[in-house]
Amino acid sequence: MREHTTSGSPYESSFGFSRAVRVGDRIIVAGTGPVEPDGSTTLGDVAAQARRCCEIIILALEELGGSAEDVVRTRMLLTDPADQDAVGAVHARYFSVAKPAATMAGVAWLCRPEWKVEIEAEAVLGASA
């Protein structure tokens, strides 16, 4: 059985994807940009954008029966390598209990030019640390 959840991102319907999908005990959260409920981009620095990404991820996990503690893998995509410490600190704030396998990579661009970070996550229910 497959369950889906959405976050209201304008890209979900136009690009044809779900914020997160649960199949069995696994939840896969799509790449999550810093989008506010009204569809605008989160204002502020890269840390503010990373916090918003993590908040959206955790809401998606919770809607599908999971939590931040169930996260086993994350990927952080940055447009500027100078932002790695700030994004890493935000990641630690939300996921340090789970200590997931994590990747941080630089990319040339994200969906909106003002986005500095996008984060995705995978969780296994019952895998809490």
N, C-alpha and C. Protein backbone atom coordinates (compact mmCIF):
# COMPACT_ATOMS: atom_id res chain seq x y z
N MET A 1 0.84 -1.18 0.00
CA MET A 1 0.00 0.00 0.00
C MET A 1 0.89 1.25 0.00
N ARG A 2 0.50 2.22 -0.79
CA ARG A 2 1.26 3.46 -0.92
C ARG A 2 0.42 4.62 -0.41
N GLU A 3 1.04 5.44 0.45
CA GLU A 3 0.40 6.66 0.95
C GLU A 3 1.23 7.85 0.50
N HIS A 4 0.54 8.95 0.22
CA HIS A 4 1.21 10.17 -0.22
C HIS A 4 0.82 11.32 0.70
N THR A 5 1.68 12.32 0.76
CA THR A 5 1.32 13.57 1.41
C THR A 5 1.87 14.72 0.57
N THR A 6 1.23 15.86 0.69
CA THR A 6 1.67 17.05 -0.04
C THR A 6 1.97 18.16 0.95
N SER A 7 2.71 19.15 0.50
CA SER A 7 3.03 20.28 1.37
C SER A 7 2.47 21.59 0.84
N GLY A 8 1.87 21.54 -0.33
CA GLY A 8 1.36 22.77 -0.92
C GLY A 8 2.36 23.48 -1.81
N SER A 9 3.53 22.92 -2.00
CA SER A 9 4.50 23.53 -2.91
C SER A 9 3.88 23.62 -4.29
N PRO A 10 4.05 24.76 -4.97
CA PRO A 10 3.50 24.88 -6.31
C PRO A 10 4.09 23.88 -7.30
N TYR A 11 5.24 23.32 -6.99
CA TYR A 11 5.88 22.38 -7.89
C TYR A 11 5.27 20.98 -7.83
N GLU A 12 4.62 20.65 -6.73
CA GLU A 12 4.08 19.30 -6.60
C GLU A 12 3.07 18.97 -7.69
N SER A 13 2.12 19.87 -7.91
CA SER A 13 1.12 19.59 -8.95
C SER A 13 1.67 19.81 -10.35
N SER A 14 2.45 20.87 -10.55
CA SER A 14 2.94 21.14 -11.90
C SER A 14 4.02 20.15 -12.36
N PHE A 15 4.79 19.60 -11.43
CA PHE A 15 5.84 18.63 -11.78
C PHE A 15 5.38 17.20 -11.55
N GLY A 16 4.21 17.00 -10.93
CA GLY A 16 3.64 15.67 -10.75
C GLY A 16 4.33 14.80 -9.72
N PHE A 17 4.56 15.34 -8.52
CA PHE A 17 5.16 14.52 -7.47
C PHE A 17 4.50 14.80 -6.13
N SER A 18 4.79 13.96 -5.16
CA SER A 18 4.31 14.12 -3.79
C SER A 18 5.46 14.59 -2.91
N ARG A 19 5.15 15.32 -1.87
CA ARG A 19 6.19 15.73 -0.92
C ARG A 19 6.85 14.49 -0.33
N ALA A 20 6.00 13.51 0.04
CA ALA A 20 6.55 12.28 0.61
C ALA A 20 5.65 11.11 0.26
N VAL A 21 6.26 9.94 0.22
CA VAL A 21 5.55 8.70 -0.08
C VAL A 21 5.95 7.68 0.99
N ARG A 22 4.93 7.00 1.51
CA ARG A 22 5.19 5.90 2.45
C ARG A 22 4.79 4.59 1.78
N VAL A 23 5.71 3.65 1.81
CA VAL A 23 5.45 2.29 1.36
C VAL A 23 5.94 1.38 2.48
N GLY A 24 5.03 0.66 3.11
CA GLY A 24 5.40 -0.18 4.24
C GLY A 24 5.96 0.66 5.36
N ASP A 25 7.16 0.32 5.81
CA ASP A 25 7.77 1.05 6.92
C ASP A 25 8.75 2.12 6.45
N ARG A 26 8.78 2.41 5.14
CA ARG A 26 9.68 3.41 4.59
C ARG A 26 8.94 4.67 4.18
N ILE A 27 9.53 5.81 4.48
CA ILE A 27 9.01 7.10 4.03
C ILE A 27 10.14 7.80 3.28
N ILE A 28 9.86 8.19 2.05
CA ILE A 28 10.82 8.92 1.23
C ILE A 28 10.27 10.34 1.06
N VAL A 29 11.07 11.31 1.47
CA VAL A 29 10.67 12.72 1.35
C VAL A 29 11.46 13.33 0.20
N ALA A 30 10.73 13.89 -0.75
CA ALA A 30 11.34 14.50 -1.94
C ALA A 30 12.24 15.67 -1.56
N GLY A 31 13.08 16.06 -2.49
CA GLY A 31 13.88 17.26 -2.32
C GLY A 31 12.95 18.40 -1.92
N THR A 32 13.29 19.05 -0.81
CA THR A 32 12.42 20.05 -0.20
C THR A 32 13.11 21.40 -0.18
N GLY A 33 12.52 22.34 -0.91
CA GLY A 33 13.04 23.70 -0.94
C GLY A 33 12.37 24.55 0.11
N PRO A 34 12.90 25.74 0.35
CA PRO A 34 12.38 26.64 1.38
C PRO A 34 11.14 27.41 0.90
N VAL A 35 10.00 26.71 0.90
CA VAL A 35 8.76 27.30 0.41
C VAL A 35 7.82 27.57 1.58
N GLU A 36 7.29 28.77 1.64
CA GLU A 36 6.33 29.16 2.67
C GLU A 36 4.93 28.67 2.28
N PRO A 37 4.00 28.65 3.24
CA PRO A 37 2.64 28.18 2.93
C PRO A 37 1.96 28.91 1.77
N ASP A 38 2.32 30.18 1.55
CA ASP A 38 1.71 30.94 0.45
C ASP A 38 2.43 30.71 -0.88
N GLY A 39 3.44 29.83 -0.90
CA GLY A 39 4.18 29.54 -2.12
C GLY A 39 5.42 30.39 -2.34
N SER A 40 5.61 31.39 -1.49
CA SER A 40 6.79 32.25 -1.63
C SER A 40 8.01 31.55 -1.04
N THR A 41 9.17 32.09 -1.34
CA THR A 41 10.42 31.57 -0.80
C THR A 41 10.65 32.13 0.59
N THR A 42 11.17 31.30 1.48
CA THR A 42 11.53 31.74 2.83
C THR A 42 12.56 32.85 2.75
N LEU A 43 12.30 33.92 3.44
CA LEU A 43 13.23 35.06 3.48
C LEU A 43 14.35 34.77 4.46
N GLY A 44 15.47 35.42 4.27
CA GLY A 44 16.58 35.29 5.20
C GLY A 44 17.75 34.55 4.61
N ASP A 45 18.67 34.23 5.50
CA ASP A 45 19.92 33.59 5.07
C ASP A 45 19.72 32.09 4.85
N VAL A 46 20.81 31.40 4.54
CA VAL A 46 20.74 29.98 4.24
C VAL A 46 20.27 29.17 5.45
N ALA A 47 20.59 29.61 6.66
CA ALA A 47 20.14 28.89 7.85
C ALA A 47 18.62 28.96 7.97
N ALA A 48 18.03 30.11 7.70
CA ALA A 48 16.56 30.25 7.73
C ALA A 48 15.94 29.35 6.67
N GLN A 49 16.54 29.30 5.50
CA GLN A 49 16.01 28.44 4.44
C GLN A 49 16.14 26.96 4.82
N ALA A 50 17.26 26.57 5.40
CA ALA A 50 17.45 25.18 5.82
C ALA A 50 16.47 24.79 6.91
N ARG A 51 16.21 25.71 7.85
CA ARG A 51 15.23 25.43 8.91
C ARG A 51 13.85 25.17 8.29
N ARG A 52 13.48 25.99 7.32
CA ARG A 52 12.17 25.80 6.68
C ARG A 52 12.11 24.45 5.97
N CYS A 53 13.17 24.08 5.27
CA CYS A 53 13.21 22.77 4.61
C CYS A 53 13.01 21.66 5.63
N CYS A 54 13.71 21.73 6.75
CA CYS A 54 13.60 20.69 7.78
C CYS A 54 12.20 20.66 8.39
N GLU A 55 11.60 21.81 8.60
CA GLU A 55 10.24 21.86 9.14
C GLU A 55 9.25 21.17 8.20
N ILE A 56 9.37 21.43 6.91
CA ILE A 56 8.49 20.80 5.92
C ILE A 56 8.71 19.28 5.92
N ILE A 57 9.96 18.86 5.97
CA ILE A 57 10.28 17.43 5.99
C ILE A 57 9.65 16.76 7.20
N ILE A 58 9.81 17.35 8.36
CA ILE A 58 9.28 16.74 9.58
C ILE A 58 7.75 16.70 9.55
N LEU A 59 7.11 17.73 9.05
CA LEU A 59 5.64 17.70 8.91
C LEU A 59 5.21 16.55 8.00
N ALA A 60 5.92 16.36 6.90
CA ALA A 60 5.58 15.27 5.98
C ALA A 60 5.76 13.91 6.66
N LEU A 61 6.87 13.75 7.38
CA LEU A 61 7.10 12.50 8.10
C LEU A 61 5.98 12.22 9.09
N GLU A 62 5.61 13.25 9.86
CA GLU A 62 4.57 13.09 10.87
C GLU A 62 3.22 12.76 10.25
N GLU A 63 2.90 13.37 9.11
CA GLU A 63 1.64 13.07 8.43
C GLU A 63 1.56 11.61 8.00
N LEU A 64 2.71 11.00 7.78
CA LEU A 64 2.74 9.61 7.34
C LEU A 64 3.13 8.64 8.46
N GLY A 65 3.11 9.12 9.71
CA GLY A 65 3.34 8.26 10.86
C GLY A 65 4.76 8.15 11.33
N GLY A 66 5.64 9.01 10.84
CA GLY A 66 7.04 8.96 11.23
C GLY A 66 7.46 10.18 12.04
N SER A 67 8.75 10.27 12.27
CA SER A 67 9.30 11.41 13.01
C SER A 67 10.75 11.63 12.57
N ALA A 68 11.33 12.71 13.04
CA ALA A 68 12.73 13.00 12.73
C ALA A 68 13.64 11.89 13.25
N GLU A 69 13.25 11.23 14.30
CA GLU A 69 14.07 10.16 14.87
C GLU A 69 14.11 8.91 14.00
N ASP A 70 13.18 8.79 13.05
CA ASP A 70 13.16 7.65 12.14
C ASP A 70 14.02 7.86 10.90
N VAL A 71 14.58 9.05 10.72
CA VAL A 71 15.34 9.38 9.52
C VAL A 71 16.66 8.61 9.50
N VAL A 72 16.91 7.93 8.38
CA VAL A 72 18.14 7.14 8.24
C VAL A 72 19.08 7.71 7.16
N ARG A 73 18.57 8.64 6.34
CA ARG A 73 19.40 9.21 5.27
C ARG A 73 18.90 10.60 4.94
N THR A 74 19.83 11.53 4.73
CA THR A 74 19.49 12.86 4.24
C THR A 74 20.47 13.26 3.14
N ARG A 75 19.99 14.18 2.30
CA ARG A 75 20.84 14.78 1.28
C ARG A 75 20.61 16.28 1.32
N MET A 76 21.69 17.04 1.40
CA MET A 76 21.62 18.49 1.43
C MET A 76 22.30 19.03 0.18
N LEU A 77 21.58 19.78 -0.60
CA LEU A 77 22.10 20.35 -1.83
C LEU A 77 22.28 21.85 -1.63
N LEU A 78 23.48 22.34 -1.86
CA LEU A 78 23.80 23.75 -1.63
C LEU A 78 24.29 24.40 -2.92
N THR A 79 23.94 25.65 -3.11
CA THR A 79 24.45 26.38 -4.27
C THR A 79 25.77 27.09 -3.98
N ASP A 80 26.15 27.19 -2.71
CA ASP A 80 27.39 27.87 -2.34
C ASP A 80 28.11 27.04 -1.27
N PRO A 81 29.30 26.55 -1.56
CA PRO A 81 30.01 25.73 -0.58
C PRO A 81 30.32 26.46 0.72
N ALA A 82 30.33 27.78 0.69
CA ALA A 82 30.59 28.55 1.91
C ALA A 82 29.46 28.39 2.93
N ASP A 83 28.31 27.86 2.50
CA ASP A 83 27.15 27.70 3.38
C ASP A 83 27.14 26.37 4.13
N GLN A 84 28.14 25.52 3.91
CA GLN A 84 28.07 24.17 4.48
C GLN A 84 28.01 24.15 6.01
N ASP A 85 28.73 25.01 6.69
CA ASP A 85 28.69 24.99 8.16
C ASP A 85 27.33 25.42 8.69
N ALA A 86 26.75 26.43 8.09
CA ALA A 86 25.43 26.91 8.54
C ALA A 86 24.36 25.85 8.31
N VAL A 87 24.36 25.21 7.15
CA VAL A 87 23.38 24.16 6.86
C VAL A 87 23.64 22.94 7.74
N GLY A 88 24.89 22.59 7.92
CA GLY A 88 25.23 21.47 8.79
C GLY A 88 24.74 21.67 10.21
N ALA A 89 24.85 22.89 10.72
CA ALA A 89 24.38 23.19 12.08
C ALA A 89 22.86 23.04 12.18
N VAL A 90 22.14 23.48 11.15
CA VAL A 90 20.69 23.31 11.15
C VAL A 90 20.34 21.82 11.07
N HIS A 91 21.02 21.09 10.21
CA HIS A 91 20.80 19.65 10.09
C HIS A 91 20.99 18.98 11.45
N ALA A 92 22.03 19.33 12.16
CA ALA A 92 22.30 18.75 13.47
C ALA A 92 21.16 19.06 14.45
N ARG A 93 20.64 20.26 14.38
CA ARG A 93 19.54 20.65 15.28
C ARG A 93 18.32 19.75 15.10
N TYR A 94 18.02 19.36 13.89
CA TYR A 94 16.83 18.58 13.61
C TYR A 94 17.07 17.07 13.60
N PHE A 95 18.26 16.63 13.25
CA PHE A 95 18.47 15.20 13.02
C PHE A 95 19.60 14.57 13.84
N SER A 96 20.19 15.28 14.79
CA SER A 96 21.33 14.72 15.51
C SER A 96 20.96 13.51 16.37
N VAL A 97 19.72 13.42 16.82
CA VAL A 97 19.32 12.24 17.59
C VAL A 97 19.36 11.00 16.71
N ALA A 98 18.85 11.12 15.49
CA ALA A 98 18.81 9.98 14.56
C ALA A 98 20.19 9.66 13.97
N LYS A 99 21.04 10.66 13.85
CA LYS A 99 22.35 10.50 13.22
C LYS A 99 22.26 9.75 11.88
N PRO A 100 21.50 10.29 10.92
CA PRO A 100 21.35 9.58 9.64
C PRO A 100 22.63 9.63 8.82
N ALA A 101 22.74 8.70 7.89
CA ALA A 101 23.76 8.82 6.86
C ALA A 101 23.41 10.09 6.09
N ALA A 102 24.39 10.92 5.82
CA ALA A 102 24.08 12.22 5.20
C ALA A 102 25.07 12.54 4.09
N THR A 103 24.54 13.21 3.08
CA THR A 103 25.36 13.71 1.98
C THR A 103 25.11 15.20 1.85
N MET A 104 26.17 15.95 1.65
CA MET A 104 26.06 17.38 1.36
C MET A 104 26.82 17.59 0.05
N ALA A 105 26.13 18.18 -0.93
CA ALA A 105 26.76 18.36 -2.24
C ALA A 105 26.46 19.75 -2.78
N GLY A 106 27.37 20.24 -3.57
CA GLY A 106 27.18 21.51 -4.24
C GLY A 106 26.51 21.29 -5.59
N VAL A 107 25.61 22.19 -5.93
CA VAL A 107 24.91 22.13 -7.21
C VAL A 107 24.96 23.51 -7.86
N ALA A 108 24.79 23.54 -9.16
CA ALA A 108 24.86 24.80 -9.90
C ALA A 108 23.61 25.66 -9.69
N TRP A 109 22.46 25.01 -9.52
CA TRP A 109 21.22 25.77 -9.38
C TRP A 109 20.15 24.89 -8.73
N LEU A 110 19.11 25.55 -8.21
CA LEU A 110 17.92 24.88 -7.68
C LEU A 110 16.72 25.49 -8.39
N CYS A 111 15.51 25.04 -8.10
CA CYS A 111 14.31 25.44 -8.85
C CYS A 111 14.09 26.96 -8.92
N ARG A 112 14.44 27.66 -7.87
CA ARG A 112 14.31 29.11 -7.87
C ARG A 112 15.69 29.71 -7.63
N PRO A 113 16.01 30.80 -8.30
CA PRO A 113 17.36 31.36 -8.16
C PRO A 113 17.68 31.85 -6.75
N GLU A 114 16.67 32.18 -5.95
CA GLU A 114 16.91 32.66 -4.59
C GLU A 114 17.09 31.52 -3.59
N TRP A 115 16.81 30.29 -4.00
CA TRP A 115 17.02 29.15 -3.11
C TRP A 115 18.51 28.88 -2.97
N LYS A 116 18.93 28.71 -1.72
CA LYS A 116 20.33 28.41 -1.42
C LYS A 116 20.53 26.97 -1.00
N VAL A 117 19.42 26.29 -0.65
CA VAL A 117 19.50 24.93 -0.14
C VAL A 117 18.23 24.16 -0.45
N GLU A 118 18.39 22.87 -0.64
CA GLU A 118 17.27 21.94 -0.77
C GLU A 118 17.70 20.67 -0.03
N ILE A 119 16.75 20.07 0.70
CA ILE A 119 17.08 18.89 1.51
C ILE A 119 16.07 17.79 1.25
N GLU A 120 16.53 16.56 1.21
CA GLU A 120 15.62 15.42 1.12
C GLU A 120 15.96 14.43 2.23
N ALA A 121 15.02 13.53 2.52
CA ALA A 121 15.22 12.59 3.63
C ALA A 121 14.54 11.26 3.35
N GLU A 122 15.07 10.23 3.99
CA GLU A 122 14.47 8.90 3.95
C GLU A 122 14.37 8.41 5.39
N ALA A 123 13.24 7.77 5.71
CA ALA A 123 13.04 7.27 7.07
C ALA A 123 12.57 5.83 7.02
N VAL A 124 12.88 5.11 8.07
CA VAL A 124 12.37 3.76 8.27
C VAL A 124 11.66 3.78 9.62
N LEU A 125 10.36 3.53 9.60
CA LEU A 125 9.60 3.58 10.83
C LEU A 125 10.10 2.52 11.81
N GLY A 126 10.21 2.92 13.03
CA GLY A 126 10.71 2.02 14.06
C GLY A 126 12.22 2.00 14.14
N ALA A 127 12.89 2.83 13.33
CA ALA A 127 14.35 2.86 13.32
C ALA A 127 14.90 3.95 14.24
N SER A 128 14.04 4.49 15.12
CA SER A 128 14.52 5.58 15.96
C SER A 128 15.73 5.15 16.78
N ALA A 129 16.59 6.14 16.96
CA ALA A 129 17.85 5.88 17.66
C ALA A 129 17.65 5.54 19.11
